[in-house]
Amino acid sequence: MSSLCFYVSSITNAMRGKEILEKNGIRAHISRLADENIKNGCGYCVFVYSGFDEAEEILRSSGIRIRGTKKMNDAE
């Protein structure tokens, strides 16, 4: 199963993003990940497992600043 990680600017935005996505029927969870390619972020990700484009649109329209994304596979 693949997932998409949305790097966000703060733990607060990660928690808000997770809540917003789940209210819209998209399963999500939060994790702390370090990625040296993502600048000016706190290292928190909101993971989603389906509806990647819809999730991004929901997060952006809700004012959640996305610092970057990373596609993850089961092996990662």
N, C-alpha and C. Protein backbone atom coordinates (compact mmCIF):
# COMPACT_ATOMS: atom_id res chain seq x y z
N MET A 1 0.85 -1.18 0.00
CA MET A 1 0.00 0.00 0.00
C MET A 1 0.90 1.23 0.00
N SER A 2 0.63 2.13 -0.90
CA SER A 2 1.42 3.35 -0.93
C SER A 2 0.68 4.47 -0.19
N SER A 3 1.45 5.44 0.24
CA SER A 3 0.88 6.60 0.92
C SER A 3 1.61 7.84 0.43
N LEU A 4 1.05 8.98 0.72
CA LEU A 4 1.67 10.24 0.37
C LEU A 4 1.84 11.05 1.64
N CYS A 5 3.04 11.56 1.81
CA CYS A 5 3.37 12.39 2.97
C CYS A 5 3.32 13.85 2.56
N PHE A 6 2.51 14.63 3.26
CA PHE A 6 2.48 16.08 3.08
C PHE A 6 3.28 16.70 4.21
N TYR A 7 4.46 17.24 3.91
CA TYR A 7 5.24 17.95 4.93
C TYR A 7 4.55 19.29 5.20
N VAL A 8 4.35 19.58 6.47
CA VAL A 8 3.68 20.82 6.86
C VAL A 8 4.60 21.66 7.75
N SER A 9 4.20 22.91 7.99
CA SER A 9 5.09 23.87 8.65
C SER A 9 5.10 23.79 10.16
N SER A 10 4.16 23.05 10.77
CA SER A 10 4.15 22.96 12.24
C SER A 10 3.33 21.75 12.69
N ILE A 11 3.54 21.34 13.93
CA ILE A 11 2.74 20.26 14.49
C ILE A 11 1.27 20.68 14.56
N THR A 12 1.04 21.96 14.82
CA THR A 12 -0.34 22.46 14.86
C THR A 12 -1.03 22.27 13.52
N ASN A 13 -0.33 22.62 12.44
CA ASN A 13 -0.90 22.42 11.10
C ASN A 13 -1.08 20.94 10.78
N ALA A 14 -0.19 20.11 11.26
CA ALA A 14 -0.33 18.67 11.05
C ALA A 14 -1.60 18.16 11.73
N MET A 15 -1.83 18.58 12.97
CA MET A 15 -3.03 18.14 13.69
C MET A 15 -4.29 18.69 13.04
N ARG A 16 -4.27 19.96 12.65
CA ARG A 16 -5.43 20.55 11.96
C ARG A 16 -5.70 19.84 10.65
N GLY A 17 -4.62 19.58 9.89
CA GLY A 17 -4.76 18.91 8.60
C GLY A 17 -5.36 17.53 8.73
N LYS A 18 -4.89 16.76 9.70
CA LYS A 18 -5.42 15.42 9.93
C LYS A 18 -6.91 15.49 10.25
N GLU A 19 -7.28 16.39 11.12
CA GLU A 19 -8.69 16.53 11.51
C GLU A 19 -9.56 16.92 10.32
N ILE A 20 -9.10 17.88 9.53
CA ILE A 20 -9.85 18.33 8.36
C ILE A 20 -10.03 17.21 7.35
N LEU A 21 -8.95 16.48 7.09
CA LEU A 21 -9.04 15.38 6.13
C LEU A 21 -10.01 14.30 6.61
N GLU A 22 -9.92 13.95 7.88
CA GLU A 22 -10.81 12.91 8.38
C GLU A 22 -12.26 13.34 8.37
N LYS A 23 -12.53 14.63 8.59
CA LYS A 23 -13.90 15.13 8.47
C LYS A 23 -14.41 15.03 7.05
N ASN A 24 -13.48 15.00 6.09
CA ASN A 24 -13.84 14.87 4.67
C ASN A 24 -13.72 13.44 4.17
N GLY A 25 -13.61 12.48 5.10
CA GLY A 25 -13.61 11.07 4.73
C GLY A 25 -12.30 10.52 4.23
N ILE A 26 -11.20 11.23 4.48
CA ILE A 26 -9.88 10.75 4.04
C ILE A 26 -9.09 10.33 5.27
N ARG A 27 -8.73 9.07 5.33
CA ARG A 27 -7.94 8.54 6.45
C ARG A 27 -6.55 9.16 6.44
N ALA A 28 -6.10 9.62 7.60
CA ALA A 28 -4.80 10.28 7.70
C ALA A 28 -4.16 9.98 9.04
N HIS A 29 -2.84 10.08 9.10
CA HIS A 29 -2.14 10.04 10.37
C HIS A 29 -0.92 10.95 10.31
N ILE A 30 -0.39 11.27 11.47
CA ILE A 30 0.73 12.21 11.60
C ILE A 30 1.96 11.44 12.04
N SER A 31 3.11 11.83 11.48
CA SER A 31 4.37 11.25 11.90
C SER A 31 5.46 12.30 11.78
N ARG A 32 6.50 12.14 12.54
CA ARG A 32 7.65 13.04 12.43
C ARG A 32 8.69 12.35 11.57
N LEU A 33 9.10 13.02 10.51
CA LEU A 33 10.11 12.50 9.61
C LEU A 33 11.14 13.58 9.30
N ALA A 34 12.37 13.20 9.20
CA ALA A 34 13.40 14.15 8.81
C ALA A 34 13.70 13.96 7.33
N ASP A 35 13.66 15.04 6.59
CA ASP A 35 14.01 15.01 5.17
C ASP A 35 14.81 16.27 4.89
N GLU A 36 16.08 16.08 4.64
CA GLU A 36 16.97 17.23 4.42
C GLU A 36 16.63 18.04 3.18
N ASN A 37 15.78 17.50 2.30
CA ASN A 37 15.39 18.23 1.10
C ASN A 37 14.26 19.22 1.36
N ILE A 38 13.57 19.09 2.49
CA ILE A 38 12.46 19.98 2.83
C ILE A 38 13.00 21.09 3.72
N LYS A 39 12.89 22.32 3.27
CA LYS A 39 13.43 23.47 4.00
C LYS A 39 12.34 24.16 4.80
N ASN A 40 12.72 24.71 5.94
CA ASN A 40 11.85 25.55 6.77
C ASN A 40 10.62 24.82 7.29
N GLY A 41 10.70 23.54 7.46
CA GLY A 41 9.57 22.79 8.00
C GLY A 41 9.92 22.22 9.36
N CYS A 42 8.92 21.74 10.04
CA CYS A 42 9.13 21.20 11.39
C CYS A 42 9.46 19.71 11.35
N GLY A 43 9.30 19.08 10.20
CA GLY A 43 9.56 17.66 10.09
C GLY A 43 8.33 16.79 10.33
N TYR A 44 7.15 17.41 10.42
CA TYR A 44 5.93 16.63 10.60
C TYR A 44 5.23 16.42 9.27
N CYS A 45 4.70 15.21 9.12
CA CYS A 45 3.99 14.83 7.90
C CYS A 45 2.57 14.42 8.23
N VAL A 46 1.69 14.73 7.32
CA VAL A 46 0.34 14.19 7.34
C VAL A 46 0.31 13.14 6.23
N PHE A 47 0.13 11.89 6.61
CA PHE A 47 0.09 10.80 5.65
C PHE A 47 -1.35 10.51 5.24
N VAL A 48 -1.54 10.29 3.94
CA VAL A 48 -2.83 9.82 3.42
C VAL A 48 -2.57 8.60 2.55
N TYR A 49 -3.59 7.77 2.41
CA TYR A 49 -3.44 6.48 1.74
C TYR A 49 -4.23 6.37 0.45
N SER A 50 -5.07 7.36 0.19
CA SER A 50 -5.84 7.39 -1.05
C SER A 50 -6.33 8.82 -1.25
N GLY A 51 -6.80 9.10 -2.44
CA GLY A 51 -7.34 10.43 -2.72
C GLY A 51 -6.29 11.52 -2.58
N PHE A 52 -5.09 11.26 -3.08
CA PHE A 52 -3.96 12.18 -2.90
C PHE A 52 -4.26 13.59 -3.41
N ASP A 53 -4.79 13.68 -4.62
CA ASP A 53 -5.08 15.00 -5.19
C ASP A 53 -6.17 15.72 -4.40
N GLU A 54 -7.20 14.99 -4.03
CA GLU A 54 -8.28 15.58 -3.23
C GLU A 54 -7.76 16.05 -1.87
N ALA A 55 -6.91 15.23 -1.25
CA ALA A 55 -6.35 15.60 0.06
C ALA A 55 -5.53 16.88 -0.05
N GLU A 56 -4.71 16.98 -1.08
CA GLU A 56 -3.90 18.19 -1.26
C GLU A 56 -4.79 19.42 -1.45
N GLU A 57 -5.83 19.28 -2.25
CA GLU A 57 -6.75 20.39 -2.49
C GLU A 57 -7.44 20.82 -1.18
N ILE A 58 -7.86 19.85 -0.40
CA ILE A 58 -8.53 20.14 0.87
C ILE A 58 -7.57 20.86 1.82
N LEU A 59 -6.35 20.35 1.94
CA LEU A 59 -5.38 20.98 2.83
C LEU A 59 -5.08 22.41 2.40
N ARG A 60 -4.80 22.61 1.13
CA ARG A 60 -4.47 23.96 0.64
C ARG A 60 -5.65 24.92 0.80
N SER A 61 -6.85 24.46 0.49
CA SER A 61 -8.02 25.34 0.59
C SER A 61 -8.37 25.65 2.04
N SER A 62 -7.86 24.84 2.97
CA SER A 62 -8.09 25.07 4.40
C SER A 62 -6.98 25.92 5.03
N GLY A 63 -6.03 26.36 4.21
CA GLY A 63 -4.95 27.20 4.72
C GLY A 63 -3.77 26.46 5.30
N ILE A 64 -3.69 25.15 5.07
CA ILE A 64 -2.55 24.37 5.56
C ILE A 64 -1.43 24.51 4.53
N ARG A 65 -0.30 25.05 4.97
CA ARG A 65 0.84 25.25 4.07
C ARG A 65 1.61 23.94 3.92
N ILE A 66 1.70 23.47 2.70
CA ILE A 66 2.41 22.23 2.39
C ILE A 66 3.82 22.59 1.94
N ARG A 67 4.83 22.10 2.67
CA ARG A 67 6.23 22.40 2.37
C ARG A 67 6.83 21.46 1.33
N GLY A 68 6.20 20.33 1.14
CA GLY A 68 6.68 19.36 0.18
C GLY A 68 5.87 18.08 0.32
N THR A 69 6.08 17.17 -0.60
CA THR A 69 5.40 15.88 -0.55
C THR A 69 6.41 14.78 -0.84
N LYS A 70 6.06 13.59 -0.39
CA LYS A 70 6.92 12.43 -0.67
C LYS A 70 6.03 11.20 -0.73
N LYS A 71 6.13 10.45 -1.82
CA LYS A 71 5.38 9.20 -1.98
C LYS A 71 6.15 8.10 -1.26
N MET A 72 5.42 7.34 -0.45
CA MET A 72 6.02 6.28 0.34
C MET A 72 5.40 4.95 -0.07
N ASN A 73 6.22 3.90 -0.04
CA ASN A 73 5.74 2.54 -0.31
C ASN A 73 5.86 1.73 0.96
N ASP A 74 5.27 0.55 0.97
CA ASP A 74 5.31 -0.31 2.16
C ASP A 74 6.73 -0.55 2.68
N ALA A 75 7.67 -0.66 1.79
CA ALA A 75 9.05 -0.99 2.18
C ALA A 75 9.77 0.16 2.85
N GLU A 76 9.24 1.39 2.77
CA GLU A 76 9.95 2.55 3.32
C GLU A 76 9.62 2.78 4.76
